[in-house]
C-alpha atoms as a PDB file:
ATOM      1  CA  MET A   1     -19.336 -37.949   9.509  1.00  0.00           C
ATOM      2  CA  THR A   2     -16.395 -37.805   7.062  1.00  0.00           C
ATOM      3  CA  ILE A   3     -14.312 -34.762   6.487  1.00  0.00           C
ATOM      4  CA  VAL A   4     -12.325 -35.067   2.839  1.00  0.00           C
ATOM      5  CA  ALA A   5      -9.264 -32.574   2.438  1.00  0.00           C
ATOM      6  CA  PRO A   6      -9.131 -30.452  -0.160  1.00  0.00           C
ATOM      7  CA  GLU A   7      -7.049 -31.969  -3.403  1.00  0.00           C
ATOM      8  CA  PHE A   8      -4.063 -30.590  -2.955  1.00  0.00           C
ATOM      9  CA  ASN A   9      -2.210 -30.270  -6.117  1.00  0.00           C
ATOM     10  CA  TYR A  10       1.813 -30.799  -4.700  1.00  0.00           C
ATOM     11  CA  SER A  11       3.660 -30.573  -7.438  1.00  0.00           C
ATOM     12  CA  GLU A  12       2.711 -26.863  -7.997  1.00  0.00           C
ATOM     13  CA  LEU A  13       3.245 -25.768  -4.667  1.00  0.00           C
ATOM     14  CA  ALA A  14       6.875 -27.141  -4.683  1.00  0.00           C
ATOM     15  CA  ARG A  15       7.429 -24.980  -8.245  1.00  0.00           C
ATOM     16  CA  GLN A  16       5.857 -22.084  -6.174  1.00  0.00           C
ATOM     17  CA  ILE A  17       8.088 -22.479  -3.640  1.00  0.00           C
ATOM     18  CA  ALA A  18      11.132 -23.327  -5.219  1.00  0.00           C
ATOM     19  CA  ALA A  19      10.467 -20.088  -7.669  1.00  0.00           C
ATOM     20  CA  ARG A  20       9.836 -17.837  -4.926  1.00  0.00           C
ATOM     21  CA  MET A  21      13.557 -19.246  -2.748  1.00  0.00           C
ATOM     22  CA  SER A  22      15.629 -18.864  -6.375  1.00  0.00           C
ATOM     23  CA  PRO A  23      18.075 -15.835  -5.356  1.00  0.00           C
ATOM     24  CA  GLU A  24      17.177 -13.450  -8.112  1.00  0.00           C
ATOM     25  CA  ALA A  25      13.390 -14.292  -7.699  1.00  0.00           C
ATOM     26  CA  LEU A  26      10.901 -11.054  -7.993  1.00  0.00           C
ATOM     27  CA  LEU A  27       9.522 -10.877  -4.433  1.00  0.00           C
ATOM     28  CA  SER A  28       5.337  -9.166  -4.430  1.00  0.00           C
ATOM     29  CA  ALA A  29       4.914  -6.970  -0.840  1.00  0.00           C
ATOM     30  CA  GLU A  30       2.974  -9.964   0.436  1.00  0.00           C
ATOM     31  CA  ASP A  31       6.190 -12.128   0.070  1.00  0.00           C
ATOM     32  CA  VAL A  32       8.188  -9.183   1.609  1.00  0.00           C
ATOM     33  CA  GLY A  33       6.158  -9.155   4.037  1.00  0.00           C
ATOM     34  CA  ALA A  34       6.331 -13.167   4.824  1.00  0.00           C
ATOM     35  CA  MET A  35      10.340 -12.854   4.827  1.00  0.00           C
ATOM     36  CA  LEU A  36       9.812 -10.148   7.540  1.00  0.00           C
ATOM     37  CA  GLY A  37       7.086 -10.746  10.080  1.00  0.00           C
ATOM     38  CA  TYR A  38       5.028  -7.572   8.627  1.00  0.00           C
ATOM     39  CA  PRO A  39       1.459  -7.151   6.582  1.00  0.00           C
ATOM     40  CA  ALA A  40       1.861  -6.793   2.957  1.00  0.00           C
ATOM     41  CA  ARG A  41       0.232  -2.844   3.548  1.00  0.00           C
ATOM     42  CA  TYR A  42       3.031  -1.662   5.946  1.00  0.00           C
ATOM     43  CA  ILE A  43       5.373  -3.196   3.324  1.00  0.00           C
ATOM     44  CA  ARG A  44       4.385  -0.688   0.708  1.00  0.00           C
ATOM     45  CA  GLU A  45       3.092   1.805   2.586  1.00  0.00           C
ATOM     46  CA  THR A  46       6.553   2.356   5.148  1.00  0.00           C
ATOM     47  CA  ILE A  47       8.974  -0.662   4.534  1.00  0.00           C
ATOM     48  CA  ALA A  48       9.010   0.141   0.632  1.00  0.00           C
ATOM     49  CA  LEU A  49       9.888   4.195   1.107  1.00  0.00           C
ATOM     50  CA  ALA A  50      12.201   3.835   3.671  1.00  0.00           C
ATOM     51  CA  PRO A  51      16.011   5.032   2.965  1.00  0.00           C
ATOM     52  CA  GLY A  52      17.860   2.507   1.683  1.00  0.00           C
ATOM     53  CA  PHE A  53      15.436  -0.234   1.111  1.00  0.00           C
ATOM     54  CA  PRO A  54      15.596  -1.790  -2.415  1.00  0.00           C
ATOM     55  CA  VAL A  55      13.930   0.307  -5.754  1.00  0.00           C
ATOM     56  CA  ALA A  56      11.023  -1.738  -6.777  1.00  0.00           C
ATOM     57  CA  ILE A  57      10.764  -3.073 -10.257  1.00  0.00           C
ATOM     58  CA  ARG A  58       7.541  -1.957 -11.902  1.00  0.00           C
ATOM     59  CA  LEU A  59       7.513  -4.466 -15.029  1.00  0.00           C
ATOM     60  CA  ARG A  60       4.733  -2.978 -17.748  1.00  0.00           C
ATOM     61  CA  LEU A  61       1.981  -4.969 -18.154  1.00  0.00           C
ATOM     62  CA  ASN A  62       0.803  -3.823 -21.668  1.00  0.00           C
ATOM     63  CA  ASP A  63       0.096  -1.172 -24.214  1.00  0.00           C
ATOM     64  CA  ASP A  64      -2.486   1.079 -21.653  1.00  0.00           C
ATOM     65  CA  GLY A  65       1.242   1.909 -19.843  1.00  0.00           C
ATOM     66  CA  LYS A  66      -0.584  -0.342 -16.782  1.00  0.00           C
ATOM     67  CA  ARG A  67       2.343  -1.468 -14.562  1.00  0.00           C
ATOM     68  CA  SER A  68       2.323  -4.311 -12.328  1.00  0.00           C
ATOM     69  CA  ASN A  69       2.023  -4.191  -8.456  1.00  0.00           C
ATOM     70  CA  PRO A  70       5.938  -3.756  -7.107  1.00  0.00           C
ATOM     71  CA  ARG A  71       8.126  -6.381  -6.566  1.00  0.00           C
ATOM     72  CA  TRP A  72      11.634  -7.058  -5.092  1.00  0.00           C
ATOM     73  CA  ARG A  73      15.029  -8.738  -6.016  1.00  0.00           C
ATOM     74  CA  ARG A  74      14.996 -11.561  -3.177  1.00  0.00           C
ATOM     75  CA  THR A  75      18.832 -10.876  -3.068  1.00  0.00           C
ATOM     76  CA  ASP A  76      18.786  -7.181  -2.846  1.00  0.00           C
ATOM     77  CA  VAL A  77      15.540  -7.141   0.191  1.00  0.00           C
ATOM     78  CA  GLU A  78      18.238 -10.265   1.713  1.00  0.00           C
ATOM     79  CA  GLU A  79      21.047  -7.387   1.240  1.00  0.00           C
ATOM     80  CA  TRP A  80      19.314  -4.290   3.152  1.00  0.00           C
ATOM     81  CA  VAL A  81      18.394  -7.135   5.799  1.00  0.00           C
ATOM     82  CA  THR A  82      21.662  -7.772   6.543  1.00  0.00           C
ATOM     83  CA  THR A  83      22.645  -3.870   6.379  1.00  0.00           C
ATOM     84  CA  HIS A  84      19.971  -2.860   8.326  1.00  0.00           C
ATOM     85  CA  LEU A  85      20.907  -4.956  11.145  1.00  0.00           C
ATOM     86  CA  ALA A  86      23.988  -4.198  11.071  1.00  0.00           C
ATOM     87  CA  GLN A  87      23.380  -0.420  11.244  1.00  0.00           C
ATOM     88  CA  ARG A  88      20.453  -0.955  14.202  1.00  0.00           C
ATOM     89  CA  ARG A  89      23.645  -2.946  16.657  1.00  0.00           C
ATOM     90  CA  ALA A  90      26.051  -0.268  15.913  1.00  0.00           C
ATOM     91  CA  ARG A  91      23.405   2.096  17.101  1.00  0.00           C
ATOM     92  CA  SER A  92      23.132   0.013  20.311  1.00  0.00           C
ATOM     93  CA  GLY A  93      19.232   1.107  20.631  1.00  0.00           C
ATOM     94  CA  ARG A  94      18.220   4.861  21.217  1.00  0.00           C
ATOM     95  CA  PRO A  95      19.778   6.985  23.019  1.00  0.00           C
ATOM     96  CA  ARG A  96      19.564   8.313  26.749  1.00  0.00           C
ATOM     97  CA  ASN A  97      19.006  11.157  28.137  1.00  0.00           C
ATOM     98  CA  GLN A  98      21.801  11.894  30.951  1.00  0.00           C
ATOM     99  CA  ALA A  99      21.265  12.888  33.559  1.00  0.00           C
ATOM    100  CA  VAL A 100      23.704  16.319  34.978  1.00  0.00           C
ATOM    101  CA  MET A 101      25.026  16.502  38.119  1.00  0.00           C
END
C-alpha cells in the first residue's frame, strides 16, 4: 500500500508566512494565539481585553456596516509582550504574606 502525500503549494505557503512576518502585518486572534501559546478564543475574550493590550483594528467589509474579525499590528503585539514581561519581572512574582513575630 502506497500513501501519497497531498499536493502542497509551497510558494503559497511561503507567501503566507512572509506576509505574517512583516512588521506591519495585521494578525488575527489565531496568529496572536500562536505567538503567545494560547487558543484564539482566550486571546479574544481575555488577553485582548487586558489593560494595555493594543486596540484591535476592525476593517469595514461592506456597505451593510459589517466589520471583519479583530486584527492587531505585529509590532504593537510584540511591544506589548516586551513591556508586559518587563513589568512582571519588576514585580518579582506575587506578594507573599509576611509572618508576624
